N, C-alpha and C. Protein backbone atom coordinates (compact mmCIF):
# COMPACT_ATOMS: atom_id res chain seq x y z
N MET A 1 0.85 -1.32 0.05
CA MET A 1 -0.07 -0.02 -0.04
C MET A 1 0.82 1.32 0.16
N TRP A 2 0.41 2.31 -0.81
CA TRP A 2 1.19 3.51 -1.05
C TRP A 2 0.35 4.37 -0.05
N HIS A 3 1.26 5.07 0.54
CA HIS A 3 0.73 6.35 1.61
C HIS A 3 1.28 7.50 1.02
N ILE A 4 0.47 8.42 0.45
CA ILE A 4 1.06 9.70 -0.39
C ILE A 4 0.40 10.69 0.16
N THR A 5 1.05 11.76 0.55
CA THR A 5 0.78 12.95 1.29
C THR A 5 0.67 14.11 0.05
N TYR A 6 -0.12 15.02 0.20
CA TYR A 6 -0.43 15.99 -0.69
C TYR A 6 -0.43 17.27 0.03
N PHE A 7 -0.62 18.45 -0.76
CA PHE A 7 -0.43 19.83 0.09
C PHE A 7 -1.38 20.51 -0.36
N SER A 8 -2.10 20.21 -1.79
CA SER A 8 -3.33 21.25 -1.95
C SER A 8 -4.20 20.37 -2.87
N GLU A 9 -5.47 20.91 -3.03
CA GLU A 9 -6.30 20.23 -3.80
C GLU A 9 -5.88 19.88 -5.24
N ASP A 10 -5.12 20.62 -5.95
CA ASP A 10 -4.49 20.43 -6.98
C ASP A 10 -3.58 19.11 -7.09
N ASP A 11 -2.70 19.27 -6.22
CA ASP A 11 -1.89 18.11 -5.91
C ASP A 11 -2.61 16.67 -5.86
N GLU A 12 -3.79 16.73 -5.01
CA GLU A 12 -4.75 15.38 -4.82
C GLU A 12 -5.31 15.16 -6.29
N LYS A 13 -5.52 16.11 -6.95
CA LYS A 13 -6.23 15.83 -8.29
C LYS A 13 -5.13 15.22 -9.14
N ARG A 14 -4.07 15.77 -9.18
CA ARG A 14 -3.02 15.34 -10.15
C ARG A 14 -2.48 13.79 -9.63
N ILE A 15 -2.45 13.62 -8.34
CA ILE A 15 -2.06 12.07 -7.95
C ILE A 15 -3.17 11.20 -8.22
N LYS A 16 -4.35 11.61 -7.97
CA LYS A 16 -5.46 10.63 -8.24
C LYS A 16 -5.61 10.34 -10.05
N GLY A 17 -5.17 11.38 -10.59
CA GLY A 17 -5.03 11.04 -12.13
C GLY A 17 -4.05 10.34 -12.45
N ALA A 18 -2.80 10.31 -11.79
CA ALA A 18 -1.61 9.79 -12.11
C ALA A 18 -1.85 8.26 -11.96
N MET A 19 -2.37 8.26 -10.75
CA MET A 19 -2.68 6.75 -10.27
C MET A 19 -3.75 6.04 -11.13
N GLU A 20 -4.60 6.63 -11.47
CA GLU A 20 -5.54 5.92 -12.34
C GLU A 20 -5.09 5.82 -13.77
N LEU A 21 -4.19 6.61 -14.20
CA LEU A 21 -3.47 6.32 -15.31
C LEU A 21 -2.54 4.97 -15.39
N ILE A 22 -2.00 4.67 -14.48
CA ILE A 22 -1.23 3.71 -14.33
C ILE A 22 -1.79 2.55 -13.76
N GLY A 23 -3.08 2.78 -13.41
CA GLY A 23 -3.89 1.53 -12.88
C GLY A 23 -3.50 1.14 -11.55
N CYS A 24 -3.07 2.12 -10.62
CA CYS A 24 -2.80 1.79 -9.43
C CYS A 24 -3.91 2.19 -8.47
N THR A 25 -4.51 1.11 -7.77
CA THR A 25 -5.60 1.35 -6.85
C THR A 25 -5.15 1.20 -5.36
N ASN A 26 -4.05 0.56 -4.94
CA ASN A 26 -3.51 0.11 -3.66
C ASN A 26 -2.89 1.53 -3.34
N TYR A 27 -3.26 2.54 -2.82
CA TYR A 27 -2.93 3.83 -2.36
C TYR A 27 -3.86 4.59 -1.28
N GLU A 28 -3.44 5.30 -0.65
CA GLU A 28 -4.10 6.20 0.29
C GLU A 28 -3.50 7.57 0.43
N LEU A 29 -4.44 8.57 -0.03
CA LEU A 29 -3.94 9.86 0.02
C LEU A 29 -4.10 10.67 1.27
N ILE A 30 -3.15 11.26 1.76
CA ILE A 30 -3.16 11.85 3.27
C ILE A 30 -2.90 13.18 3.06
N SER A 31 -3.66 14.19 3.76
CA SER A 31 -3.66 15.42 3.57
C SER A 31 -2.34 16.29 4.25
N SER A 32 -1.65 15.70 5.19
CA SER A 32 -0.43 16.38 5.79
C SER A 32 0.45 15.23 6.23
N ILE A 33 1.72 15.61 6.43
CA ILE A 33 2.45 14.73 7.06
C ILE A 33 2.28 14.33 8.39
N ASP A 34 1.86 15.32 9.06
CA ASP A 34 1.38 14.87 10.74
C ASP A 34 0.11 13.93 10.62
N GLU A 35 -0.54 13.89 9.75
CA GLU A 35 -1.72 12.78 9.50
C GLU A 35 -1.08 11.60 9.27
N ALA A 36 -0.02 11.59 8.33
CA ALA A 36 0.58 10.40 8.07
C ALA A 36 1.35 9.67 8.97
N ILE A 37 2.09 10.33 9.81
CA ILE A 37 2.81 9.79 10.87
C ILE A 37 2.19 9.56 12.22
N LYS A 38 0.79 10.23 12.28
CA LYS A 38 0.13 9.90 13.43
C LYS A 38 -0.15 8.48 13.71
N PRO A 39 -0.43 7.52 13.01
CA PRO A 39 -0.57 6.04 13.40
C PRO A 39 0.79 5.56 14.12
N LEU A 40 1.91 6.12 13.67
CA LEU A 40 3.27 5.60 13.96
C LEU A 40 3.53 6.07 15.44
N VAL A 41 3.12 7.39 15.52
CA VAL A 41 3.38 8.08 16.91
C VAL A 41 2.48 7.23 18.00
N MET A 42 1.29 6.98 17.57
CA MET A 42 0.32 6.24 18.40
C MET A 42 0.91 4.95 18.79
N GLU A 43 1.41 4.28 17.76
CA GLU A 43 1.92 3.07 18.09
C GLU A 43 2.90 2.82 19.02
N LYS A 44 3.87 3.77 18.88
CA LYS A 44 5.07 3.80 19.73
C LYS A 44 4.79 4.42 21.06
N ALA A 45 3.64 5.15 21.05
CA ALA A 45 3.10 5.43 22.49
C ALA A 45 2.74 4.34 23.41
N THR A 46 2.29 3.35 22.56
CA THR A 46 1.46 2.16 23.10
C THR A 46 2.39 1.08 23.52
N VAL A 47 3.66 0.99 22.84
CA VAL A 47 4.60 0.04 23.13
C VAL A 47 5.34 0.24 24.25
N PRO A 48 5.46 -0.68 25.34
CA PRO A 48 5.98 -0.41 26.54
C PRO A 48 7.52 -0.45 26.43
């Protein structure tokens, strides 16, 4: 799975178009770096 961050609505549209063009459906678009790393931070916080 690809986790791709974007910075603007235009970026999001371009990424979706490119992924569709190459036939990739195994990706997640994330609107910020903070959102992208949040699961990692939460996981680390729960590990003893």
